[in-house]
């Protein structure tokens, strides 16, 4: 496994280290321990399935935030070609937490847009921890309209705890920028395929989240607020984030059951960070499948279905 593990992964990590030590000992001392290694590997596989097939909502949130989880630029590098990044909102500046550009994917020309986090402190400061400013959302919609002009499908990757709530962002119209994107994305006459690849927090996620298909990775979450924020409001205690995560119904399976999303993208056992390439291939297949299905519709049918999709959300029975 890459990097440090989460608390509930510690039994797995300990067993993995033991297996690795036995393999090194076998190699260096020329002693046959293959039967013991095979026994431990079978035990490891069973342990992984017991843990990862029974995750709580809060544990899935932790996996969604894993520091080694693939980000937008990782997936672009793995499954796309000829990526050309474009910059700036033509009004204020370029937001580095929102990556936008044109790319090729199995013969399709697409516009790809996504939140981008950093791998270390310096990069996180540059990327603003994946929390976009208004100029990020204005850059995104500017390029979506350019894609519409040339009839190029849009693929978005959501991975943000939320839009940046700083004073400067609010002064430059954060809420207006997101609201404008919601309205404009609803009427774009091109296929829009949305993927939640990590965190999907609040309006920051929804600002690039209106589409014909909304897909969520198996260990990602999509919610109106973070579990910590919810816990702070309801119980005045951020430590109750695990309780809030269960109440929010933010997991991929919950979202699919409620009709909020259209598809769950499977991840390798243990999360996308354990086998990024396999996770990328799953996303690639989903992109191609959904672009084909949506492109087969007339423009009128596509827009009508998109409208109905979002209008039907929020129904409840008293």
C-alpha atoms as a PDB file:
ATOM      1  CA  UNK A   1       0.000   0.000   0.000  1.00  0.00           C
ATOM      2  CA  UNK A   2       1.161   3.541  -0.740  1.00  0.00           C
ATOM      3  CA  UNK A   3       1.702   5.897   2.169  1.00  0.00           C
ATOM      4  CA  UNK A   4       0.401   5.612   5.712  1.00  0.00           C
ATOM      5  CA  UNK A   5      -2.785   3.779   6.523  1.00  0.00           C
ATOM      6  CA  UNK A   6      -5.997   4.815   8.180  1.00  0.00           C
ATOM      7  CA  UNK A   7      -6.849   3.647  11.701  1.00  0.00           C
ATOM      8  CA  UNK A   8      -9.115   0.808  10.558  1.00  0.00           C
ATOM      9  CA  UNK A   9      -6.456  -0.343   8.056  1.00  0.00           C
ATOM     10  CA  UNK A  10      -3.773  -1.006  10.678  1.00  0.00           C
ATOM     11  CA  UNK A  11      -4.387  -4.792  10.949  1.00  0.00           C
ATOM     12  CA  UNK A  12      -3.999  -5.004   7.161  1.00  0.00           C
ATOM     13  CA  UNK A  13      -0.796  -2.958   7.166  1.00  0.00           C
ATOM     14  CA  UNK A  14       0.732  -5.074   9.919  1.00  0.00           C
ATOM     15  CA  UNK A  15       0.027  -8.262   7.971  1.00  0.00           C
ATOM     16  CA  UNK A  16       1.378  -6.722   4.746  1.00  0.00           C
ATOM     17  CA  UNK A  17       4.609  -5.739   6.513  1.00  0.00           C
ATOM     18  CA  UNK A  18       4.997  -9.238   7.921  1.00  0.00           C
ATOM     19  CA  UNK A  19       4.554 -10.787   4.460  1.00  0.00           C
ATOM     20  CA  UNK A  20       7.072  -8.352   2.980  1.00  0.00           C
ATOM     21  CA  UNK A  21       9.611  -9.192   5.712  1.00  0.00           C
ATOM     22  CA  UNK A  22       9.200 -12.920   5.063  1.00  0.00           C
ATOM     23  CA  UNK A  23       9.707 -12.408   1.317  1.00  0.00           C
ATOM     24  CA  UNK A  24      12.895 -10.433   1.922  1.00  0.00           C
ATOM     25  CA  UNK A  25      14.153 -13.058   4.395  1.00  0.00           C
ATOM     26  CA  UNK A  26      13.427 -15.842   1.913  1.00  0.00           C
ATOM     27  CA  UNK A  27      15.357 -14.006  -0.779  1.00  0.00           C
ATOM     28  CA  UNK A  28      18.370 -13.034   1.342  1.00  0.00           C
ATOM     29  CA  UNK A  29      18.769 -16.250   3.380  1.00  0.00           C
ATOM     30  CA  UNK A  30      17.700 -18.703   0.667  1.00  0.00           C
ATOM     31  CA  UNK A  31      15.186 -20.341   3.018  1.00  0.00           C
ATOM     32  CA  UNK A  32      11.900 -21.634   1.625  1.00  0.00           C
ATOM     33  CA  UNK A  33       9.020 -19.942   3.459  1.00  0.00           C
ATOM     34  CA  UNK A  34       6.569 -19.951   0.565  1.00  0.00           C
ATOM     35  CA  UNK A  35       3.978 -22.077   2.371  1.00  0.00           C
ATOM     36  CA  UNK A  36       3.905 -19.617   5.286  1.00  0.00           C
ATOM     37  CA  UNK A  37       3.762 -16.661   2.886  1.00  0.00           C
ATOM     38  CA  UNK A  38       0.869 -18.248   0.960  1.00  0.00           C
ATOM     39  CA  UNK A  39      -1.005 -18.848   4.228  1.00  0.00           C
ATOM     40  CA  UNK A  40      -0.540 -15.226   5.315  1.00  0.00           C
ATOM     41  CA  UNK A  41      -1.563 -13.908   1.876  1.00  0.00           C
ATOM     42  CA  UNK A  42      -4.793 -15.906   2.058  1.00  0.00           C
ATOM     43  CA  UNK A  43      -5.373 -14.522   5.536  1.00  0.00           C
ATOM     44  CA  UNK A  44      -4.659 -10.993   4.231  1.00  0.00           C
ATOM     45  CA  UNK A  45      -7.141 -11.344   1.375  1.00  0.00           C
ATOM     46  CA  UNK A  46      -9.842 -12.524   3.782  1.00  0.00           C
ATOM     47  CA  UNK A  47      -9.077  -9.684   6.222  1.00  0.00           C
ATOM     48  CA  UNK A  48      -9.249  -7.071   3.445  1.00  0.00           C
ATOM     49  CA  UNK A  49     -12.653  -8.289   2.333  1.00  0.00           C
ATOM     50  CA  UNK A  50     -13.992  -8.361   5.888  1.00  0.00           C
ATOM     51  CA  UNK A  51     -12.892  -4.755   6.478  1.00  0.00           C
ATOM     52  CA  UNK A  52     -13.488  -3.083   3.123  1.00  0.00           C
ATOM     53  CA  UNK A  53     -16.808  -4.736   2.338  1.00  0.00           C
ATOM     54  CA  UNK A  54     -18.272  -3.533   5.642  1.00  0.00           C
ATOM     55  CA  UNK A  55     -17.097   0.071   5.841  1.00  0.00           C
ATOM     56  CA  UNK A  56     -19.115   2.648   7.770  1.00  0.00           C
ATOM     57  CA  UNK A  57     -20.025   5.942   6.049  1.00  0.00           C
ATOM     58  CA  UNK A  58     -17.364   7.750   8.106  1.00  0.00           C
ATOM     59  CA  UNK A  59     -14.708   5.234   7.056  1.00  0.00           C
ATOM     60  CA  UNK A  60     -15.628   5.824   3.403  1.00  0.00           C
ATOM     61  CA  UNK A  61     -15.230   9.570   3.981  1.00  0.00           C
ATOM     62  CA  UNK A  62     -11.739   8.885   5.315  1.00  0.00           C
ATOM     63  CA  UNK A  63     -10.864   6.856   2.211  1.00  0.00           C
ATOM     64  CA  UNK A  64     -12.242   9.653   0.004  1.00  0.00           C
ATOM     65  CA  UNK A  65      -9.743  11.990   1.719  1.00  0.00           C
ATOM     66  CA  UNK A  66      -6.780   9.604   1.623  1.00  0.00           C
ATOM     67  CA  UNK A  67      -3.636  11.618   0.769  1.00  0.00           C
ATOM     68  CA  UNK A  68      -2.549   9.028  -1.820  1.00  0.00           C
ATOM     69  CA  UNK A  69      -5.916   8.905  -3.592  1.00  0.00           C
ATOM     70  CA  UNK A  70      -5.663   9.809  -7.320  1.00  0.00           C
ATOM     71  CA  UNK A  71      -6.616  13.387  -8.183  1.00  0.00           C
ATOM     72  CA  UNK A  72      -7.874  14.965 -11.408  1.00  0.00           C
ATOM     73  CA  UNK A  73      -4.435  15.366 -13.018  1.00  0.00           C
ATOM     74  CA  UNK A  74      -3.566  11.758 -12.121  1.00  0.00           C
ATOM     75  CA  UNK A  75      -6.604  10.440 -13.984  1.00  0.00           C
ATOM     76  CA  UNK A  76      -5.945  12.748 -16.920  1.00  0.00           C
ATOM     77  CA  UNK A  77      -2.407  11.380 -17.150  1.00  0.00           C
ATOM     78  CA  UNK A  78      -3.560   7.763 -16.860  1.00  0.00           C
ATOM     79  CA  UNK A  79      -6.475   7.607 -19.291  1.00  0.00           C
ATOM     80  CA  UNK A  80      -6.287  10.658 -21.590  1.00  0.00           C
ATOM     81  CA  UNK A  81      -3.914  11.949 -24.259  1.00  0.00           C
ATOM     82  CA  UNK A  82      -2.897  15.297 -25.739  1.00  0.00           C
ATOM     83  CA  UNK A  83      -4.117  17.252 -22.712  1.00  0.00           C
ATOM     84  CA  UNK A  84      -3.820  21.008 -23.199  1.00  0.00           C
ATOM     85  CA  UNK A  85      -4.544  22.996 -20.045  1.00  0.00           C
ATOM     86  CA  UNK A  86      -6.206  26.383 -20.471  1.00  0.00           C
ATOM     87  CA  UNK A  87      -6.106  29.145 -17.885  1.00  0.00           C
ATOM     88  CA  UNK A  88      -7.930  32.185 -16.584  1.00  0.00           C
ATOM     89  CA  UNK A  89     -11.473  33.477 -16.272  1.00  0.00           C
ATOM     90  CA  UNK A  90     -10.772  36.608 -18.376  1.00  0.00           C
ATOM     91  CA  UNK A  91     -11.956  38.741 -15.458  1.00  0.00           C
ATOM     92  CA  UNK A  92      -9.686  38.338 -12.434  1.00  0.00           C
ATOM     93  CA  UNK A  93      -7.089  35.539 -12.440  1.00  0.00           C
ATOM     94  CA  UNK A  94      -6.360  31.855 -12.937  1.00  0.00           C
ATOM     95  CA  UNK A  95      -7.529  29.542 -10.155  1.00  0.00           C
ATOM     96  CA  UNK A  96      -5.067  26.657  -9.785  1.00  0.00           C
ATOM     97  CA  UNK A  97      -7.509  24.590  -7.729  1.00  0.00           C
ATOM     98  CA  UNK A  98      -9.667  24.180 -10.858  1.00  0.00           C
ATOM     99  CA  UNK A  99      -7.937  22.388 -13.736  1.00  0.00           C
ATOM    100  CA  UNK A 100      -9.453  22.825 -17.214  1.00  0.00           C
ATOM    101  CA  UNK A 101      -8.354  21.741 -20.656  1.00  0.00           C
ATOM    102  CA  UNK A 102      -9.043  19.784 -23.828  1.00  0.00           C
ATOM    103  CA  UNK A 103      -7.921  16.177 -24.223  1.00  0.00           C
ATOM    104  CA  UNK A 104      -8.385  13.011 -26.284  1.00  0.00           C
ATOM    105  CA  UNK A 105      -9.945   9.801 -24.976  1.00  0.00           C
ATOM    106  CA  UNK A 106     -10.218   6.779 -27.277  1.00  0.00           C
ATOM    107  CA  UNK A 107     -10.957   8.922 -30.316  1.00  0.00           C
ATOM    108  CA  UNK A 108     -13.220  11.365 -28.490  1.00  0.00           C
ATOM    109  CA  UNK A 109     -12.286  15.002 -28.106  1.00  0.00           C
ATOM    110  CA  UNK A 110     -13.421  16.155 -24.662  1.00  0.00           C
ATOM    111  CA  UNK A 111     -13.198  19.116 -22.334  1.00  0.00           C
ATOM    112  CA  UNK A 112     -12.070  17.922 -18.909  1.00  0.00           C
ATOM    113  CA  UNK A 113     -12.585  20.059 -15.796  1.00  0.00           C
ATOM    114  CA  UNK A 114     -11.785  19.099 -12.226  1.00  0.00           C
ATOM    115  CA  UNK A 115     -10.789  20.161  -8.754  1.00  0.00           C
ATOM    116  CA  UNK A 116      -7.121  19.580  -7.968  1.00  0.00           C
ATOM    117  CA  UNK A 117      -5.576  19.092  -4.523  1.00  0.00           C
ATOM    118  CA  UNK A 118      -1.878  19.025  -3.649  1.00  0.00           C
ATOM    119  CA  UNK A 119       0.400  16.225  -2.477  1.00  0.00           C
ATOM    120  CA  UNK A 120       2.445  18.324  -0.039  1.00  0.00           C
ATOM    121  CA  UNK A 121       2.085  21.560   1.906  1.00  0.00           C
ATOM    122  CA  UNK A 122       3.464  23.836  -0.809  1.00  0.00           C
ATOM    123  CA  UNK A 123       1.305  22.311  -3.540  1.00  0.00           C
ATOM    124  CA  UNK A 124      -1.764  22.368  -1.307  1.00  0.00           C
ATOM    125  CA  UNK A 125      -1.231  26.065  -0.691  1.00  0.00           C
ATOM    126  CA  UNK A 126      -0.917  26.636  -4.433  1.00  0.00           C
ATOM    127  CA  UNK A 127      -4.033  24.523  -5.125  1.00  0.00           C
ATOM    128  CA  UNK A 128      -5.891  25.985  -2.122  1.00  0.00           C
ATOM    129  CA  UNK A 129      -6.553  22.434  -0.854  1.00  0.00           C
ATOM    130  CA  UNK A 130      -8.922  21.860  -3.781  1.00  0.00           C
ATOM    131  CA  UNK A 131     -11.299  24.661  -2.751  1.00  0.00           C
ATOM    132  CA  UNK A 132     -11.991  26.857  -5.766  1.00  0.00           C
ATOM    133  CA  UNK A 133     -12.489  30.621  -5.801  1.00  0.00           C
ATOM    134  CA  UNK A 134     -15.129  32.326  -7.999  1.00  0.00           C
ATOM    135  CA  UNK A 135     -12.576  32.693 -10.801  1.00  0.00           C
ATOM    136  CA  UNK A 136     -12.262  28.897 -10.889  1.00  0.00           C
ATOM    137  CA  UNK A 137     -15.968  28.455 -11.559  1.00  0.00           C
ATOM    138  CA  UNK A 138     -15.942  31.307 -14.085  1.00  0.00           C
ATOM    139  CA  UNK A 139     -13.007  29.699 -15.883  1.00  0.00           C
ATOM    140  CA  UNK A 140     -14.898  26.401 -15.965  1.00  0.00           C
ATOM    141  CA  UNK A 141     -18.082  27.818 -17.481  1.00  0.00           C
ATOM    142  CA  UNK A 142     -16.101  29.943 -19.952  1.00  0.00           C
ATOM    143  CA  UNK A 143     -14.491  26.804 -21.336  1.00  0.00           C
ATOM    144  CA  UNK A 144     -17.742  24.817 -21.257  1.00  0.00           C
ATOM    145  CA  UNK A 145     -19.274  27.420 -23.544  1.00  0.00           C
ATOM    146  CA  UNK A 146     -16.235  27.153 -25.813  1.00  0.00           C
ATOM    147  CA  UNK A 147     -16.736  23.370 -25.900  1.00  0.00           C
ATOM    148  CA  UNK A 148     -20.404  23.903 -26.781  1.00  0.00           C
ATOM    149  CA  UNK A 149     -19.363  26.052 -29.731  1.00  0.00           C
ATOM    150  CA  UNK A 150     -17.406  23.127 -31.188  1.00  0.00           C
ATOM    151  CA  UNK A 151     -19.816  20.381 -30.000  1.00  0.00           C
ATOM    152  CA  UNK A 152     -17.274  18.790 -27.644  1.00  0.00           C
ATOM    153  CA  UNK A 153     -18.532  16.757 -24.628  1.00  0.00           C
ATOM    154  CA  UNK A 154     -17.613  17.851 -21.099  1.00  0.00           C
ATOM    155  CA  UNK A 155     -16.260  15.553 -18.372  1.00  0.00           C
ATOM    156  CA  UNK A 156     -15.939  16.955 -14.849  1.00  0.00           C
ATOM    157  CA  UNK A 157     -14.083  15.510 -11.849  1.00  0.00           C
ATOM    158  CA  UNK A 158     -15.353  16.661  -8.454  1.00  0.00           C
ATOM    159  CA  UNK A 159     -12.962  16.474  -5.503  1.00  0.00           C
ATOM    160  CA  UNK A 160     -13.410  19.328  -3.048  1.00  0.00           C
ATOM    161  CA  UNK A 161     -14.399  19.834   0.595  1.00  0.00           C
ATOM    162  CA  UNK A 162     -16.308  22.906  -0.645  1.00  0.00           C
ATOM    163  CA  UNK A 163     -15.849  26.227  -2.419  1.00  0.00           C
ATOM    164  CA  UNK A 164     -13.392  28.569  -0.717  1.00  0.00           C
ATOM    165  CA  UNK A 165     -15.279  30.626   1.924  1.00  0.00           C
ATOM    166  CA  UNK A 166     -12.714  33.406   2.375  1.00  0.00           C
ATOM    167  CA  UNK A 167     -13.560  37.115   2.463  1.00  0.00           C
ATOM    168  CA  UNK A 168     -11.935  37.753  -0.913  1.00  0.00           C
ATOM    169  CA  UNK A 169     -13.908  34.937  -2.539  1.00  0.00           C
ATOM    170  CA  UNK A 170     -17.159  36.286  -1.128  1.00  0.00           C
ATOM    171  CA  UNK A 171     -16.289  39.821  -2.260  1.00  0.00           C
ATOM    172  CA  UNK A 172     -15.726  38.539  -5.793  1.00  0.00           C
ATOM    173  CA  UNK A 173     -19.120  36.806  -5.864  1.00  0.00           C
ATOM    174  CA  UNK A 174     -18.606  33.169  -4.874  1.00  0.00           C
ATOM    175  CA  UNK A 175     -22.327  32.381  -4.528  1.00  0.00           C
ATOM    176  CA  UNK A 176     -23.196  34.187  -7.771  1.00  0.00           C
ATOM    177  CA  UNK A 177     -20.460  32.340  -9.691  1.00  0.00           C
ATOM    178  CA  UNK A 178     -21.735  28.948  -8.550  1.00  0.00           C
ATOM    179  CA  UNK A 179     -25.390  29.858  -9.170  1.00  0.00           C
ATOM    180  CA  UNK A 180     -24.507  31.096 -12.666  1.00  0.00           C
ATOM    181  CA  UNK A 181     -22.789  27.775 -13.418  1.00  0.00           C
ATOM    182  CA  UNK A 182     -25.844  25.815 -12.291  1.00  0.00           C
ATOM    183  CA  UNK A 183     -28.100  27.760 -14.629  1.00  0.00           C
ATOM    184  CA  UNK A 184     -25.751  27.689 -17.608  1.00  0.00           C
ATOM    185  CA  UNK A 185     -24.785  24.014 -17.287  1.00  0.00           C
ATOM    186  CA  UNK A 186     -28.470  23.103 -17.264  1.00  0.00           C
ATOM    187  CA  UNK A 187     -28.858  24.509 -20.780  1.00  0.00           C
ATOM    188  CA  UNK A 188     -25.557  23.599 -22.502  1.00  0.00           C
ATOM    189  CA  UNK A 189     -26.320  21.664 -25.700  1.00  0.00           C
ATOM    190  CA  UNK A 190     -23.488  19.164 -25.268  1.00  0.00           C
ATOM    191  CA  UNK A 191     -23.161  15.963 -23.195  1.00  0.00           C
ATOM    192  CA  UNK A 192     -21.931  16.598 -19.633  1.00  0.00           C
ATOM    193  CA  UNK A 193     -20.658  13.621 -17.636  1.00  0.00           C
ATOM    194  CA  UNK A 194     -19.875  14.223 -13.952  1.00  0.00           C
ATOM    195  CA  UNK A 195     -17.638  12.115 -11.698  1.00  0.00           C
ATOM    196  CA  UNK A 196     -17.155  12.484  -7.948  1.00  0.00           C
ATOM    197  CA  UNK A 197     -13.657  11.040  -7.471  1.00  0.00           C
ATOM    198  CA  UNK A 198     -13.046  11.993  -3.835  1.00  0.00           C
ATOM    199  CA  UNK A 199     -14.818  14.587  -1.744  1.00  0.00           C
ATOM    200  CA  UNK A 200     -18.031  16.116  -3.058  1.00  0.00           C
ATOM    201  CA  UNK A 201     -18.733  18.949  -0.682  1.00  0.00           C
ATOM    202  CA  UNK A 202     -21.616  21.420  -0.895  1.00  0.00           C
ATOM    203  CA  UNK A 203     -21.957  24.094  -3.607  1.00  0.00           C
ATOM    204  CA  UNK A 204     -18.260  23.801  -4.378  1.00  0.00           C
ATOM    205  CA  UNK A 205     -18.999  20.377  -5.833  1.00  0.00           C
ATOM    206  CA  UNK A 206     -22.296  21.306  -7.452  1.00  0.00           C
ATOM    207  CA  UNK A 207     -20.661  24.260  -9.259  1.00  0.00           C
ATOM    208  CA  UNK A 208     -19.309  21.767 -11.823  1.00  0.00           C
ATOM    209  CA  UNK A 209     -21.818  19.026 -11.012  1.00  0.00           C
ATOM    210  CA  UNK A 210     -24.849  19.614 -13.230  1.00  0.00           C
ATOM    211  CA  UNK A 211     -24.794  16.988 -15.962  1.00  0.00           C
ATOM    212  CA  UNK A 212     -26.595  14.327 -17.956  1.00  0.00           C
ATOM    213  CA  UNK A 213     -24.943  11.567 -15.920  1.00  0.00           C
ATOM    214  CA  UNK A 214     -23.604  11.869 -12.373  1.00  0.00           C
ATOM    215  CA  UNK A 215     -21.257   9.067 -11.340  1.00  0.00           C
ATOM    216  CA  UNK A 216     -19.717   8.584  -7.890  1.00  0.00           C
ATOM    217  CA  UNK A 217     -16.736   6.384  -7.113  1.00  0.00           C
ATOM    218  CA  UNK A 218     -17.425   3.609  -4.635  1.00  0.00           C
ATOM    219  CA  UNK A 219     -15.523   5.229  -1.750  1.00  0.00           C
ATOM    220  CA  UNK A 220     -16.315   8.868  -2.522  1.00  0.00           C
ATOM    221  CA  UNK A 221     -18.978  10.991  -0.878  1.00  0.00           C
ATOM    222  CA  UNK A 222     -21.351  13.699  -2.134  1.00  0.00           C
ATOM    223  CA  UNK A 223     -23.107  15.878   0.413  1.00  0.00           C
ATOM    224  CA  UNK A 224     -24.606  19.300   1.144  1.00  0.00           C
ATOM    225  CA  UNK A 225     -22.070  19.736   3.968  1.00  0.00           C
ATOM    226  CA  UNK A 226     -19.018  17.970   5.388  1.00  0.00           C
ATOM    227  CA  UNK A 227     -19.623  15.561   8.291  1.00  0.00           C
ATOM    228  CA  UNK A 228     -17.585  17.832  10.585  1.00  0.00           C
ATOM    229  CA  UNK A 229     -19.624  20.880   9.582  1.00  0.00           C
ATOM    230  CA  UNK A 230     -22.879  19.013  10.121  1.00  0.00           C
ATOM    231  CA  UNK A 231     -21.740  17.773  13.544  1.00  0.00           C
ATOM    232  CA  UNK A 232     -20.717  21.292  14.572  1.00  0.00           C
ATOM    233  CA  UNK A 233     -24.185  22.618  13.686  1.00  0.00           C
ATOM    234  CA  UNK A 234     -26.364  19.801  15.033  1.00  0.00           C
ATOM    235  CA  UNK A 235     -24.410  18.665  18.088  1.00  0.00           C
ATOM    236  CA  UNK A 236     -21.998  21.583  18.624  1.00  0.00           C
ATOM    237  CA  UNK A 237     -19.229  19.000  18.470  1.00  0.00           C
ATOM    238  CA  UNK A 238     -17.112  18.242  15.395  1.00  0.00           C
ATOM    239  CA  UNK A 239     -15.960  15.031  17.073  1.00  0.00           C
ATOM    240  CA  UNK A 240     -19.358  13.535  16.234  1.00  0.00           C
ATOM    241  CA  UNK A 241     -18.509  13.571  12.525  1.00  0.00           C
ATOM    242  CA  UNK A 242     -18.970   9.799  12.332  1.00  0.00           C
ATOM    243  CA  UNK A 243     -22.562  10.149  13.552  1.00  0.00           C
ATOM    244  CA  UNK A 244     -23.157  12.980  11.069  1.00  0.00           C
ATOM    245  CA  UNK A 245     -21.746  10.926   8.188  1.00  0.00           C
ATOM    246  CA  UNK A 246     -24.330   8.219   8.844  1.00  0.00           C
ATOM    247  CA  UNK A 247     -27.170  10.736   9.110  1.00  0.00           C
ATOM    248  CA  UNK A 248     -26.244  12.586   5.913  1.00  0.00           C
ATOM    249  CA  UNK A 249     -26.647   9.501   3.680  1.00  0.00           C
ATOM    250  CA  UNK A 250     -23.623  10.605   1.671  1.00  0.00           C
ATOM    251  CA  UNK A 251     -22.232   7.286   0.409  1.00  0.00           C
ATOM    252  CA  UNK A 252     -22.470   6.192  -3.210  1.00  0.00           C
ATOM    253  CA  UNK A 253     -25.015   3.461  -2.420  1.00  0.00           C
ATOM    254  CA  UNK A 254     -27.237   5.859  -0.465  1.00  0.00           C
ATOM    255  CA  UNK A 255     -27.079   8.400  -3.292  1.00  0.00           C
ATOM    256  CA  UNK A 256     -27.979   5.796  -5.902  1.00  0.00           C
ATOM    257  CA  UNK A 257     -30.937   4.581  -3.824  1.00  0.00           C
ATOM    258  CA  UNK A 258     -32.243   8.149  -3.549  1.00  0.00           C
ATOM    259  CA  UNK A 259     -31.870   8.764  -7.292  1.00  0.00           C
ATOM    260  CA  UNK A 260     -29.300  11.533  -6.808  1.00  0.00           C
ATOM    261  CA  UNK A 261     -26.698   9.789  -8.965  1.00  0.00           C
ATOM    262  CA  UNK A 262     -26.829   7.491 -11.967  1.00  0.00           C
ATOM    263  CA  UNK A 263     -23.881   5.159 -11.509  1.00  0.00           C
ATOM    264  CA  UNK A 264     -21.388   3.866  -8.932  1.00  0.00           C
ATOM    265  CA  UNK A 265     -17.841   3.457 -10.261  1.00  0.00           C
ATOM    266  CA  UNK A 266     -16.229   0.404  -8.595  1.00  0.00           C
ATOM    267  CA  UNK A 267     -12.838   0.793  -6.951  1.00  0.00           C
ATOM    268  CA  UNK A 268     -10.080  -1.758  -6.320  1.00  0.00           C
ATOM    269  CA  UNK A 269     -10.385  -3.495  -2.957  1.00  0.00           C
ATOM    270  CA  UNK A 270      -9.243  -0.995  -0.330  1.00  0.00           C
ATOM    271  CA  UNK A 271      -9.751   2.124  -2.429  1.00  0.00           C
ATOM    272  CA  UNK A 272      -8.504   3.801  -5.598  1.00  0.00           C
ATOM    273  CA  UNK A 273      -5.140   4.639  -3.983  1.00  0.00           C
ATOM    274  CA  UNK A 274      -4.253   0.943  -3.783  1.00  0.00           C
ATOM    275  CA  UNK A 275      -4.471   0.483  -7.554  1.00  0.00           C
ATOM    276  CA  UNK A 276      -4.862   3.851  -9.316  1.00  0.00           C
ATOM    277  CA  UNK A 277      -4.515   2.384 -12.809  1.00  0.00           C
ATOM    278  CA  UNK A 278      -7.427  -0.015 -12.279  1.00  0.00           C
ATOM    279  CA  UNK A 279      -9.537   2.818 -10.869  1.00  0.00           C
ATOM    280  CA  UNK A 280      -8.645   4.931 -13.904  1.00  0.00           C
ATOM    281  CA  UNK A 281      -9.693   2.191 -16.316  1.00  0.00           C
ATOM    282  CA  UNK A 282     -13.071   1.932 -14.560  1.00  0.00           C
ATOM    283  CA  UNK A 283     -13.578   5.676 -14.997  1.00  0.00           C
ATOM    284  CA  UNK A 284     -12.491   5.508 -18.631  1.00  0.00           C
ATOM    285  CA  UNK A 285     -15.071   2.825 -19.440  1.00  0.00           C
ATOM    286  CA  UNK A 286     -17.777   4.850 -17.706  1.00  0.00           C
ATOM    287  CA  UNK A 287     -16.857   8.021 -19.626  1.00  0.00           C
ATOM    288  CA  UNK A 288     -17.030   6.272 -22.992  1.00  0.00           C
ATOM    289  CA  UNK A 289     -20.274   4.452 -22.140  1.00  0.00           C
ATOM    290  CA  UNK A 290     -22.058   7.584 -20.963  1.00  0.00           C
ATOM    291  CA  UNK A 291     -20.823   9.835 -23.767  1.00  0.00           C
ATOM    292  CA  UNK A 292     -22.097   7.304 -26.307  1.00  0.00           C
ATOM    293  CA  UNK A 293     -25.497   7.034 -24.644  1.00  0.00           C
ATOM    294  CA  UNK A 294     -26.011  10.771 -24.219  1.00  0.00           C
ATOM    295  CA  UNK A 295     -24.659  11.624 -27.678  1.00  0.00           C
ATOM    296  CA  UNK A 296     -27.227   9.289 -29.227  1.00  0.00           C
ATOM    297  CA  UNK A 297     -30.035  11.577 -28.015  1.00  0.00           C
ATOM    298  CA  UNK A 298     -31.291  14.623 -29.827  1.00  0.00           C
ATOM    299  CA  UNK A 299     -30.351  17.963 -28.266  1.00  0.00           C
ATOM    300  CA  UNK A 300     -33.945  18.512 -27.192  1.00  0.00           C
ATOM    301  CA  UNK A 301     -34.242  15.085 -25.561  1.00  0.00           C
ATOM    302  CA  UNK A 302     -30.885  15.516 -23.812  1.00  0.00           C
ATOM    303  CA  UNK A 303     -31.848  18.871 -22.298  1.00  0.00           C
ATOM    304  CA  UNK A 304     -35.302  17.627 -21.278  1.00  0.00           C
ATOM    305  CA  UNK A 305     -33.855  14.596 -19.486  1.00  0.00           C
ATOM    306  CA  UNK A 306     -31.220  16.743 -17.777  1.00  0.00           C
ATOM    307  CA  UNK A 307     -33.915  19.156 -16.591  1.00  0.00           C
ATOM    308  CA  UNK A 308     -36.163  16.363 -15.282  1.00  0.00           C
ATOM    309  CA  UNK A 309     -33.231  14.652 -13.570  1.00  0.00           C
ATOM    310  CA  UNK A 310     -32.556  17.593 -11.286  1.00  0.00           C
ATOM    311  CA  UNK A 311     -36.189  18.672 -10.876  1.00  0.00           C
ATOM    312  CA  UNK A 312     -37.048  15.219  -9.547  1.00  0.00           C
ATOM    313  CA  UNK A 313     -34.531  15.467  -6.700  1.00  0.00           C
ATOM    314  CA  UNK A 314     -35.771  16.264  -3.223  1.00  0.00           C
ATOM    315  CA  UNK A 315     -39.135  14.501  -3.311  1.00  0.00           C
ATOM    316  CA  UNK A 316     -40.348  13.120  -0.011  1.00  0.00           C
ATOM    317  CA  UNK A 317     -43.419  11.569   1.590  1.00  0.00           C
ATOM    318  CA  UNK A 318     -44.860  12.922   4.827  1.00  0.00           C
END
